[in-house]
Amino acid sequence: MADFDAYEIVVGLEVHAQLMTQSKLFCGDSIAYGAAPNTHVSPITLGHPGTLPKMNRKAIEYAIKMGLACNCQIEQHNYFARKNYFYPDLPKGYQVSQHTTPICKTGFVTIKVGDTKKNIRLNRIHLEEDAGKSIHDIDKENTCIDYNRAGTPLIEIVTEPDLRSSDEAFAFVSEIRKLVRYLEVCDGNMEEGSLRCDANISVRLKEEKKLGTRVEVKNLNSIRNVKRAIDVEAKRLIEIVESGGTIQQQTRSFDAGSGTTQAIRDKEDADDYRYFPEPDLTPFHLQDEFIEKIQRSIPALPEERIKKYITVYQLSAYDAAVLTEERIISDYFEQLIQHTANYKAAANWMLGPIKTWLNENEKEINGFPLQPQQIVSLISLIDEGKISFSVAATRIFPLMISFPEKSALSIVIEENLLQESDVSAIGPIIDEVLIKFADKVTAYKNGKKGLLALFVGEVMKRTKGKADPKVTNKILLEKLKS
């Protein structure tokens, strides 16, 4: 039986992110997802003789923005290259990419696995055009080609072989997805193919320093499948070595259904692609002012926000991490706390009722019908003792969702939900409850202190949730002492 514990997994990732431009990298064709096949094409996309490409300025801006966020060095002198890579869904018969001058060099991305942080070094981030799509399950006799995606601008984020487990790879792709969405350079939708990952995997004995022969697993379309494919392929490689076999450098695909990988072709090296400068595109130079302007446009990123939420707003590390998972959620929270200093209450509303509503209605926060000031009005009513959180969350909040034009206070008044804090009003009701549950009162006095919740619940039931819980608890404790 193979001794898996004796081996170390070495992984490098190549993450392809489709940029959120309006048009393709070298022409004006739309890149909108979901169009009928071969409708977002033109003579340039199809590589007709005599057509010339023109660079997409916005794609260059997005690549630089990602590079700056990943601590990269920006290459100011750039050019594109032809990558001779014939494939049925590359209409020109080659791909336009970057080789010797990637637009972003080196850099790193910080990941966290458990309580351990680690910097994953980047080799590069470069620009390239995407290929089309081969469809094999429409026609029994032929492969169908859809060129809509051909020419779509991509950045490829290439790591050094710094990852040592599938958990680290999972964390890295999760962090990249979060970053591209924060920066609004890619929607991060792996199901639609706008974020894809290739994993280069090798294994070696733990005391070994030399890298083993690598195998590339292509086009992993979910973060979970990145983790699964690495585990499956590492196990296969270790079994080959343990049985005395030789690992072949090759490209493989991952079948999510069966949880296995299959060989596609022998893996090419850079020389096989015969790179040379793209003759139809001029080199371009990035000026300092252009880069500085992009730097100023970068929003506060998750790590910075987490630190602020913990140190300035005194939130827990968990709350801070969840609130910053998506930029639009974090932005909404920051709008909330512009109008209230009760940061914990704002976080509780975000992670409780609001998150529940979004999940149940399959909405993003930009589809949430209430403005931050409306949530703040609820927080204020609770802080002022006019309503309880329970009433606010279960009765007023749903009505505000249904009637967003109404204020929280108007709903409270209309529904007669103002909290009763008058001792003279609550006291007699408490007396009634204690008389009804005389046996429970005896049990409470004999040590069953958990029965206090029963008494409070009964008071709230009789007052239809209007009794102030703090006042109710205080009166009950006084009466139960006597």
Protein backbone atom coordinates (compact mmCIF):
# COMPACT_ATOMS: atom_id res chain seq x y z
CA MET A 1 0.00 0.00 0.00
CA ALA A 2 1.33 3.45 -0.92
CA ASP A 3 2.79 5.52 1.94
CA PHE A 4 1.01 8.79 1.16
CA ASP A 5 2.30 10.52 4.30
CA ALA A 6 5.87 10.25 3.02
CA TYR A 7 5.13 12.57 0.09
CA GLU A 8 4.67 16.29 -0.33
CA ILE A 9 2.25 17.78 -2.86
CA VAL A 10 3.58 20.72 -4.88
CA VAL A 11 1.01 22.83 -6.73
CA GLY A 12 1.15 25.86 -8.95
CA LEU A 13 -2.07 27.43 -10.24
CA GLU A 14 -3.01 29.32 -13.38
CA VAL A 15 -6.25 31.24 -12.86
CA HIS A 16 -7.94 32.73 -15.93
CA ALA A 17 -10.27 35.65 -15.19
CA GLN A 18 -12.53 37.04 -17.91
CA LEU A 19 -12.43 40.82 -17.71
CA MET A 20 -15.67 42.80 -17.38
CA THR A 21 -15.15 44.97 -20.43
CA GLN A 22 -17.98 45.69 -22.85
CA SER A 23 -16.07 44.41 -25.87
CA LYS A 24 -13.37 41.95 -26.87
CA LEU A 25 -9.65 42.42 -26.42
CA PHE A 26 -8.88 43.41 -30.01
CA CYS A 27 -12.23 44.42 -31.55
CA GLY A 28 -15.63 45.89 -30.70
CA ASP A 29 -17.60 42.62 -30.58
CA SER A 30 -19.71 42.20 -27.45
CA ILE A 31 -18.67 39.73 -24.77
CA ALA A 32 -22.14 39.49 -23.14
CA TYR A 33 -22.83 35.99 -21.83
CA GLY A 34 -25.72 33.88 -23.08
CA ALA A 35 -26.16 35.12 -26.66
CA ALA A 36 -27.12 32.76 -29.48
CA PRO A 37 -24.05 30.93 -30.87
CA ASN A 38 -21.86 32.86 -33.30
CA THR A 39 -23.73 36.15 -33.00
CA HIS A 40 -20.96 38.10 -31.24
CA VAL A 41 -18.49 37.71 -34.07
CA SER A 42 -16.98 39.87 -36.80
CA PRO A 43 -14.28 39.48 -39.45
CA ILE A 44 -11.69 40.40 -36.78
CA THR A 45 -12.93 37.75 -34.33
CA LEU A 46 -12.92 35.19 -37.15
CA GLY A 47 -9.42 36.16 -38.27
CA HIS A 48 -10.33 37.05 -41.87
CA PRO A 49 -7.37 38.07 -44.08
CA GLY A 50 -6.70 41.81 -44.11
CA THR A 51 -8.30 42.52 -40.71
CA LEU A 52 -6.28 44.26 -38.02
CA PRO A 53 -6.71 44.15 -34.24
CA LYS A 54 -6.91 47.20 -31.97
CA MET A 55 -6.12 47.08 -28.25
CA ASN A 56 -8.81 47.49 -25.57
CA ARG A 57 -7.69 50.23 -23.16
CA LYS A 58 -10.12 49.16 -20.42
CA ALA A 59 -8.69 45.61 -20.42
CA ILE A 60 -5.22 47.04 -19.85
CA GLU A 61 -6.55 49.16 -16.94
CA TYR A 62 -8.19 46.12 -15.35
CA ALA A 63 -5.01 44.04 -15.65
CA ILE A 64 -2.99 46.78 -13.97
CA LYS A 65 -5.60 47.16 -11.20
CA MET A 66 -5.39 43.44 -10.42
CA GLY A 67 -1.59 43.55 -10.49
CA LEU A 68 -1.44 46.46 -8.04
CA ALA A 69 -3.85 44.69 -5.69
CA CYS A 70 -1.59 41.63 -5.82
CA ASN A 71 1.57 43.59 -4.97
CA CYS A 72 2.99 43.16 -8.48
CA GLN A 73 5.58 45.18 -10.36
CA ILE A 74 3.90 46.79 -13.38
CA GLU A 75 5.82 46.35 -16.64
CA GLN A 76 5.74 49.73 -18.40
CA HIS A 77 7.12 48.53 -21.75
CA ASN A 78 4.69 45.96 -23.15
CA TYR A 79 3.94 44.03 -26.30
CA PHE A 80 1.79 41.10 -27.32
CA ALA A 81 2.99 37.84 -28.83
CA ARG A 82 1.57 35.16 -31.07
CA LYS A 83 1.24 31.81 -29.39
CA ASN A 84 1.08 29.19 -32.13
CA TYR A 85 -1.48 26.94 -30.59
CA PHE A 86 -3.78 25.47 -33.20
CA TYR A 87 -7.13 24.42 -31.84
CA PRO A 88 -10.55 24.15 -33.52
CA ASP A 89 -12.03 27.00 -31.45
CA LEU A 90 -9.17 29.42 -32.19
CA PRO A 91 -10.32 30.83 -35.55
CA LYS A 92 -6.97 32.47 -36.38
CA GLY A 93 -5.01 29.30 -35.71
CA TYR A 94 -3.00 31.10 -33.01
CA GLN A 95 -3.65 32.96 -29.78
CA VAL A 96 -2.56 36.53 -29.03
CA SER A 97 -1.04 36.56 -25.55
CA GLN A 98 1.92 38.00 -23.63
CA HIS A 99 5.14 36.06 -23.16
CA THR A 100 8.39 37.85 -22.39
CA THR A 101 6.68 41.03 -21.13
CA PRO A 102 3.74 40.15 -18.90
CA ILE A 103 2.01 43.35 -17.82
CA CYS A 104 2.42 42.40 -14.11
CA LYS A 105 5.47 40.64 -12.67
CA THR A 106 6.12 38.91 -9.34
CA GLY A 107 3.84 39.94 -6.45
CA PHE A 108 1.99 37.76 -3.95
CA VAL A 109 -1.45 36.92 -2.58
CA THR A 110 -1.95 36.23 1.12
CA ILE A 111 -4.10 33.23 2.00
CA LYS A 112 -5.32 31.88 5.31
CA VAL A 113 -5.85 28.19 6.10
CA GLY A 114 -7.10 27.69 9.63
CA ASP A 115 -5.12 30.12 11.77
CA THR A 116 -2.10 30.12 9.44
CA LYS A 117 -1.40 32.89 6.95
CA LYS A 118 0.88 32.36 3.97
CA ASN A 119 2.03 34.49 1.06
CA ILE A 120 1.69 32.70 -2.29
CA ARG A 121 4.18 34.20 -4.72
CA LEU A 122 3.05 35.12 -8.22
CA ASN A 123 5.18 34.59 -11.28
CA ARG A 124 3.10 36.90 -13.44
CA ILE A 125 -0.26 38.25 -14.47
CA HIS A 126 -0.59 38.64 -18.22
CA LEU A 127 -3.23 39.58 -20.76
CA GLU A 128 -4.47 37.28 -23.50
CA GLU A 129 -7.52 36.54 -25.61
CA ASP A 130 -9.82 33.64 -24.90
CA ALA A 131 -10.64 30.86 -27.35
CA GLY A 132 -14.13 29.92 -28.52
CA LYS A 133 -16.06 26.93 -27.29
CA SER A 134 -16.26 23.40 -28.69
CA ILE A 135 -19.62 21.71 -28.10
CA HIS A 136 -19.67 17.93 -28.39
CA ASP A 137 -23.17 16.95 -27.28
CA ILE A 138 -25.45 18.67 -29.82
CA ASP A 139 -24.60 16.75 -33.01
CA LYS A 140 -23.85 13.02 -32.91
CA GLU A 141 -21.54 13.19 -35.92
CA ASN A 142 -19.82 16.58 -35.52
CA THR A 143 -18.30 18.93 -33.00
CA CYS A 144 -20.01 22.34 -33.04
CA ILE A 145 -18.03 25.54 -32.57
CA ASP A 146 -19.30 28.73 -30.94
CA TYR A 147 -16.94 31.67 -31.55
CA ASN A 148 -18.79 34.15 -29.29
CA ARG A 149 -16.16 33.78 -26.57
CA ALA A 150 -13.20 33.96 -28.97
CA GLY A 151 -11.26 37.15 -28.37
CA THR A 152 -12.72 37.82 -24.92
CA PRO A 153 -10.09 39.57 -22.74
CA LEU A 154 -8.54 37.46 -20.01
CA ILE A 155 -5.91 37.92 -17.37
CA GLU A 156 -3.98 34.83 -16.41
CA ILE A 157 -2.73 34.81 -12.82
CA VAL A 158 0.21 32.39 -12.57
CA THR A 159 1.60 31.36 -9.18
CA GLU A 160 4.98 29.97 -8.28
CA PRO A 161 4.84 26.33 -7.09
CA ASP A 162 4.23 27.49 -3.51
CA LEU A 163 1.04 25.61 -2.66
CA ARG A 164 1.43 22.45 -0.59
CA SER A 165 -2.11 21.16 -0.25
CA SER A 166 -5.52 21.21 -1.85
CA ASP A 167 -6.71 23.33 1.10
CA GLU A 168 -4.17 26.02 0.22
CA ALA A 169 -5.26 25.88 -3.42
CA PHE A 170 -8.90 26.21 -2.33
CA ALA A 171 -7.98 29.26 -0.22
CA PHE A 172 -5.97 30.83 -3.06
CA VAL A 173 -8.73 30.56 -5.68
CA SER A 174 -11.26 31.80 -3.11
CA GLU A 175 -9.05 34.83 -2.43
CA ILE A 176 -8.59 35.54 -6.15
CA ARG A 177 -12.34 35.35 -6.70
CA LYS A 178 -12.90 37.74 -3.83
CA LEU A 179 -10.25 40.14 -5.17
CA VAL A 180 -11.53 40.30 -8.75
CA ARG A 181 -15.05 40.95 -7.47
CA TYR A 182 -13.86 43.66 -5.05
CA LEU A 183 -11.96 45.32 -7.89
CA GLU A 184 -14.90 44.83 -10.28
CA VAL A 185 -12.62 43.51 -13.02
CA CYS A 186 -14.34 40.09 -13.27
CA ASP A 187 -17.66 38.76 -11.97
CA GLY A 188 -15.95 35.59 -10.68
CA ASN A 189 -18.74 33.36 -11.99
CA MET A 190 -17.09 29.96 -12.38
CA GLU A 191 -20.28 28.26 -13.61
CA GLU A 192 -20.37 30.60 -16.63
CA GLY A 193 -16.63 30.16 -17.20
CA SER A 194 -15.59 33.71 -16.39
CA LEU A 195 -13.18 32.33 -13.80
CA ARG A 196 -11.35 29.11 -14.58
CA CYS A 197 -8.37 27.37 -13.06
CA ASP A 198 -5.63 25.04 -14.28
CA ALA A 199 -3.61 23.19 -11.63
CA ASN A 200 0.01 22.08 -12.15
CA ILE A 201 0.58 19.21 -9.74
CA SER A 202 3.66 17.20 -8.80
CA VAL A 203 4.71 15.08 -5.83
CA ARG A 204 8.02 14.41 -4.12
CA LEU A 205 9.32 12.78 -0.96
CA LYS A 206 9.17 15.25 1.93
CA GLU A 207 12.96 15.44 2.28
CA GLU A 208 13.44 15.94 -1.48
CA LYS A 209 14.25 19.44 -2.81
CA LYS A 210 13.95 18.82 -6.54
CA LEU A 211 10.52 19.26 -8.09
CA GLY A 212 8.86 16.18 -9.55
CA THR A 213 7.41 15.83 -13.05
CA ARG A 214 4.30 17.96 -13.22
CA VAL A 215 0.90 17.17 -14.63
CA GLU A 216 -1.55 19.91 -15.57
CA VAL A 217 -5.27 19.47 -14.87
CA LYS A 218 -7.18 21.89 -17.10
CA ASN A 219 -10.36 23.97 -16.88
CA LEU A 220 -11.50 23.39 -13.31
CA ASN A 221 -14.80 25.23 -13.08
CA SER A 222 -15.46 25.44 -9.35
CA ILE A 223 -13.36 26.05 -6.27
CA ARG A 224 -14.52 22.73 -4.85
CA ASN A 225 -13.38 20.92 -8.00
CA VAL A 226 -9.94 22.55 -7.73
CA LYS A 227 -9.55 20.91 -4.34
CA ARG A 228 -10.98 17.57 -5.49
CA ALA A 229 -8.87 17.38 -8.63
CA ILE A 230 -5.63 18.09 -6.73
CA ASP A 231 -6.37 15.38 -4.16
CA VAL A 232 -7.29 12.85 -6.84
CA GLU A 233 -4.32 13.59 -9.08
CA ALA A 234 -1.79 13.69 -6.22
CA LYS A 235 -2.99 10.26 -5.09
CA ARG A 236 -2.61 8.93 -8.65
CA LEU A 237 0.93 10.32 -8.96
CA ILE A 238 2.03 8.91 -5.61
CA GLU A 239 0.69 5.48 -6.57
CA ILE A 240 2.65 5.60 -9.85
CA VAL A 241 5.89 6.46 -8.01
CA GLU A 242 5.31 3.86 -5.29
CA SER A 243 4.72 1.16 -7.89
CA GLY A 244 8.00 1.99 -9.64
CA GLY A 245 6.38 3.70 -12.64
CA THR A 246 7.36 6.90 -14.43
CA ILE A 247 5.17 10.00 -14.38
CA GLN A 248 4.51 11.44 -17.82
CA GLN A 249 4.32 15.21 -18.25
CA GLN A 250 0.87 15.67 -19.71
CA THR A 251 -2.34 17.67 -19.70
CA ARG A 252 -5.38 16.03 -18.13
CA SER A 253 -9.04 16.85 -17.57
CA PHE A 254 -11.07 16.29 -14.42
CA ASP A 255 -14.43 14.49 -14.55
CA ALA A 256 -16.40 15.89 -11.62
CA GLY A 257 -19.00 13.13 -11.89
CA SER A 258 -16.62 10.21 -11.50
CA GLY A 259 -13.96 12.11 -9.54
CA THR A 260 -11.19 11.00 -11.91
CA THR A 261 -8.73 12.62 -14.31
CA GLN A 262 -8.09 11.56 -17.91
CA ALA A 263 -5.16 12.30 -20.21
CA ILE A 264 -5.86 14.81 -23.00
CA ARG A 265 -2.40 15.22 -24.55
CA ASP A 266 1.27 15.36 -23.76
CA LYS A 267 2.11 18.63 -22.08
CA GLU A 268 3.81 21.22 -24.28
CA ASP A 269 6.69 23.43 -23.17
CA ALA A 270 7.02 27.12 -24.06
CA ASP A 271 9.27 26.31 -27.03
CA ASP A 272 6.48 24.26 -28.60
CA TYR A 273 4.36 27.38 -28.97
CA ARG A 274 6.97 29.26 -31.08
CA TYR A 275 6.22 32.64 -29.50
CA PHE A 276 7.12 35.75 -31.49
CA PRO A 277 6.01 39.42 -31.24
CA GLU A 278 2.55 39.99 -32.70
CA PRO A 279 3.27 41.93 -35.92
CA ASP A 280 -0.21 43.49 -36.15
CA LEU A 281 -0.05 45.20 -32.73
CA THR A 282 2.43 47.91 -31.78
CA PRO A 283 4.29 47.78 -28.45
CA PHE A 284 2.78 50.09 -25.83
CA HIS A 285 4.25 52.09 -22.97
CA LEU A 286 2.44 52.71 -19.68
CA GLN A 287 3.05 56.14 -18.20
CA ASP A 288 3.47 56.73 -14.45
CA GLU A 289 0.40 58.99 -14.34
CA PHE A 290 -1.76 56.28 -15.93
CA ILE A 291 -0.67 53.70 -13.33
CA GLU A 292 -1.05 56.15 -10.43
CA LYS A 293 -4.61 57.00 -11.49
CA ILE A 294 -5.50 53.29 -11.45
CA GLN A 295 -3.85 52.92 -8.04
CA ARG A 296 -6.09 55.68 -6.66
CA SER A 297 -9.20 53.90 -7.96
CA ILE A 298 -8.58 50.72 -5.94
CA PRO A 299 -11.07 50.43 -3.04
CA ALA A 300 -10.18 49.31 0.47
CA LEU A 301 -9.58 45.57 0.11
CA PRO A 302 -10.76 42.78 2.46
CA GLU A 303 -7.65 42.58 4.65
CA GLU A 304 -7.70 46.33 5.30
CA ARG A 305 -11.43 46.29 6.04
CA ILE A 306 -11.16 43.31 8.40
CA LYS A 307 -8.45 45.09 10.40
CA LYS A 308 -10.59 48.26 10.63
CA TYR A 309 -13.74 46.36 11.63
CA ILE A 310 -11.90 44.61 14.47
CA THR A 311 -9.83 47.53 15.78
CA VAL A 312 -12.08 50.53 15.11
CA TYR A 313 -15.58 49.02 15.26
CA GLN A 314 -14.73 46.38 17.90
CA LEU A 315 -16.34 43.55 15.95
CA SER A 316 -15.30 39.92 16.31
CA ALA A 317 -12.89 38.43 13.80
CA TYR A 318 -15.71 36.18 12.57
CA ASP A 319 -18.14 39.06 12.01
CA ALA A 320 -15.43 41.08 10.24
CA ALA A 321 -14.55 38.18 7.93
CA VAL A 322 -18.16 37.48 6.95
CA LEU A 323 -19.01 41.15 6.43
CA THR A 324 -16.03 41.60 4.07
CA GLU A 325 -16.55 38.43 2.05
CA GLU A 326 -18.36 40.40 -0.66
CA ARG A 327 -17.59 44.04 -1.43
CA ILE A 328 -21.24 45.00 -1.98
CA ILE A 329 -22.15 43.61 1.47
CA SER A 330 -19.23 45.46 3.06
CA ASP A 331 -20.15 48.67 1.23
CA TYR A 332 -23.76 48.44 2.49
CA PHE A 333 -22.52 47.88 6.04
CA GLU A 334 -20.27 50.94 5.76
CA GLN A 335 -23.25 53.01 4.65
CA LEU A 336 -25.14 51.76 7.71
CA ILE A 337 -22.46 52.84 10.16
CA GLN A 338 -22.33 56.31 8.68
CA HIS A 339 -25.69 56.85 10.42
CA THR A 340 -25.27 54.89 13.67
CA ALA A 341 -22.48 54.32 16.17
CA ASN A 342 -24.02 51.00 17.25
CA TYR A 343 -21.64 48.99 15.06
CA LYS A 344 -22.48 45.66 16.67
CA ALA A 345 -26.21 46.15 16.05
CA ALA A 346 -25.50 47.08 12.43
CA ALA A 347 -23.42 43.91 12.04
CA ASN A 348 -26.14 41.81 13.66
CA TRP A 349 -28.74 43.13 11.21
CA MET A 350 -26.44 42.46 8.27
CA LEU A 351 -25.59 38.91 9.35
CA GLY A 352 -29.08 38.11 10.66
CA PRO A 353 -32.35 39.35 9.13
CA ILE A 354 -30.83 40.96 6.03
CA LYS A 355 -28.66 37.96 5.12
CA THR A 356 -31.58 35.59 5.75
CA TRP A 357 -33.83 37.62 3.45
CA LEU A 358 -31.18 37.72 0.70
CA ASN A 359 -30.64 33.95 0.90
CA GLU A 360 -34.35 33.12 0.94
CA ASN A 361 -35.05 35.41 -2.02
CA GLU A 362 -31.84 34.54 -3.92
CA LYS A 363 -30.92 38.21 -4.16
CA GLU A 364 -27.72 40.23 -3.97
CA ILE A 365 -27.63 43.22 -1.63
CA ASN A 366 -28.11 45.55 -4.62
CA GLY A 367 -31.56 43.94 -4.97
CA PHE A 368 -32.45 44.61 -1.31
CA PRO A 369 -35.43 46.99 -1.18
CA LEU A 370 -34.46 48.95 1.95
CA GLN A 371 -31.95 51.78 2.14
CA PRO A 372 -29.32 51.77 4.93
CA GLN A 373 -31.07 54.69 6.67
CA GLN A 374 -34.22 52.58 7.00
CA ILE A 375 -32.31 49.84 8.85
CA VAL A 376 -30.69 52.50 11.02
CA SER A 377 -34.17 53.75 11.97
CA LEU A 378 -34.96 50.27 13.31
CA ILE A 379 -31.69 50.18 15.26
CA SER A 380 -32.52 53.60 16.76
CA LEU A 381 -35.99 52.48 17.85
CA ILE A 382 -34.47 49.47 19.61
CA ASP A 383 -31.73 51.60 21.23
CA GLU A 384 -34.39 54.04 22.48
CA GLY A 385 -36.32 51.18 24.09
CA LYS A 386 -39.39 51.71 21.92
CA ILE A 387 -39.33 48.20 20.41
CA SER A 388 -37.44 44.96 21.03
CA PHE A 389 -35.11 43.36 18.53
CA SER A 390 -37.45 40.38 18.31
CA VAL A 391 -40.42 42.53 17.34
CA ALA A 392 -38.27 44.56 14.96
CA ALA A 393 -36.92 41.47 13.18
CA THR A 394 -40.05 39.34 13.04
CA ARG A 395 -42.84 41.89 12.63
CA ILE A 396 -41.62 45.34 11.58
CA PHE A 397 -38.81 44.29 9.20
CA PRO A 398 -41.11 42.13 6.98
CA LEU A 399 -43.64 44.98 6.78
CA MET A 400 -40.90 47.41 5.78
CA ILE A 401 -39.85 45.01 3.02
CA SER A 402 -43.45 44.89 1.76
CA PHE A 403 -44.00 48.64 2.13
CA PRO A 404 -40.57 50.27 1.71
CA GLU A 405 -42.17 53.69 1.33
CA LYS A 406 -43.31 53.56 4.99
CA SER A 407 -41.03 54.53 7.87
CA ALA A 408 -40.27 52.10 10.68
CA LEU A 409 -41.90 54.41 13.24
CA SER A 410 -45.11 54.72 11.22
CA ILE A 411 -45.38 50.94 11.01
CA VAL A 412 -44.77 50.61 14.76
CA ILE A 413 -47.58 53.08 15.45
CA GLU A 414 -49.98 51.58 12.90
CA GLU A 415 -49.45 48.07 14.27
CA ASN A 416 -49.58 49.25 17.89
CA LEU A 417 -46.14 47.74 18.60
CA LEU A 418 -44.60 50.40 20.82
CA GLN A 419 -42.84 48.63 23.67
CA GLU A 420 -44.41 48.89 27.12
CA SER A 421 -41.86 49.97 29.73
CA ASP A 422 -44.28 51.22 32.37
CA VAL A 423 -43.80 49.15 35.55
CA SER A 424 -47.39 49.82 36.63
CA ALA A 425 -48.65 48.27 33.38
CA ILE A 426 -46.32 45.27 33.29
CA GLY A 427 -46.45 44.43 37.03
CA PRO A 428 -50.07 43.17 37.15
CA ILE A 429 -49.51 40.95 34.12
CA ILE A 430 -46.44 39.43 35.79
CA ASP A 431 -48.52 38.79 38.92
CA GLU A 432 -51.09 36.92 36.81
CA VAL A 433 -48.36 34.78 35.26
CA LEU A 434 -46.80 33.89 38.62
CA ILE A 435 -50.19 32.94 40.05
CA LYS A 436 -50.97 30.73 37.03
CA PHE A 437 -47.61 28.97 37.28
CA ALA A 438 -47.38 28.74 41.06
CA ASP A 439 -45.85 25.25 40.88
CA LYS A 440 -43.16 26.55 38.52
CA VAL A 441 -42.46 29.43 40.91
CA THR A 442 -41.82 26.88 43.66
CA ALA A 443 -39.53 24.91 41.34
CA TYR A 444 -37.67 28.11 40.44
CA LYS A 445 -37.10 28.96 44.09
CA ASN A 446 -35.82 25.40 44.63
CA GLY A 447 -33.05 25.97 42.10
CA LYS A 448 -34.52 25.57 38.58
CA LYS A 449 -33.42 29.04 37.44
CA GLY A 450 -33.98 28.17 33.75
CA LEU A 451 -37.72 28.59 34.36
CA LEU A 452 -37.22 32.37 34.23
CA ALA A 453 -37.43 32.14 30.43
CA LEU A 454 -40.87 30.49 30.76
CA PHE A 455 -42.17 33.40 32.82
CA VAL A 456 -40.72 36.00 30.45
CA GLY A 457 -42.17 34.18 27.45
CA GLU A 458 -45.62 34.09 29.00
CA VAL A 459 -45.51 37.81 29.77
CA MET A 460 -44.44 38.56 26.20
CA LYS A 461 -47.26 36.36 24.92
CA ARG A 462 -49.88 38.16 27.00
CA THR A 463 -48.60 41.59 25.94
CA LYS A 464 -48.26 40.50 22.29
CA GLY A 465 -44.52 41.14 22.43
CA LYS A 466 -44.90 44.72 23.65
CA ALA A 467 -43.44 44.32 27.16
CA ASP A 468 -39.89 45.62 27.50
CA PRO A 469 -37.79 42.45 28.09
CA LYS A 470 -35.31 44.29 30.36
CA VAL A 471 -38.05 45.74 32.53
CA THR A 472 -39.87 42.40 32.55
CA ASN A 473 -36.76 40.53 33.68
CA LYS A 474 -36.04 43.06 36.40
CA ILE A 475 -39.59 42.92 37.86
CA LEU A 476 -39.70 39.13 37.67
CA LEU A 477 -36.40 38.72 39.51
CA GLU A 478 -37.57 41.09 42.24
CA LYS A 479 -40.90 39.28 42.67
CA LEU A 480 -39.30 35.82 42.61
CA LYS A 481 -36.96 36.80 45.44
CA SER A 482 -39.85 37.54 47.78
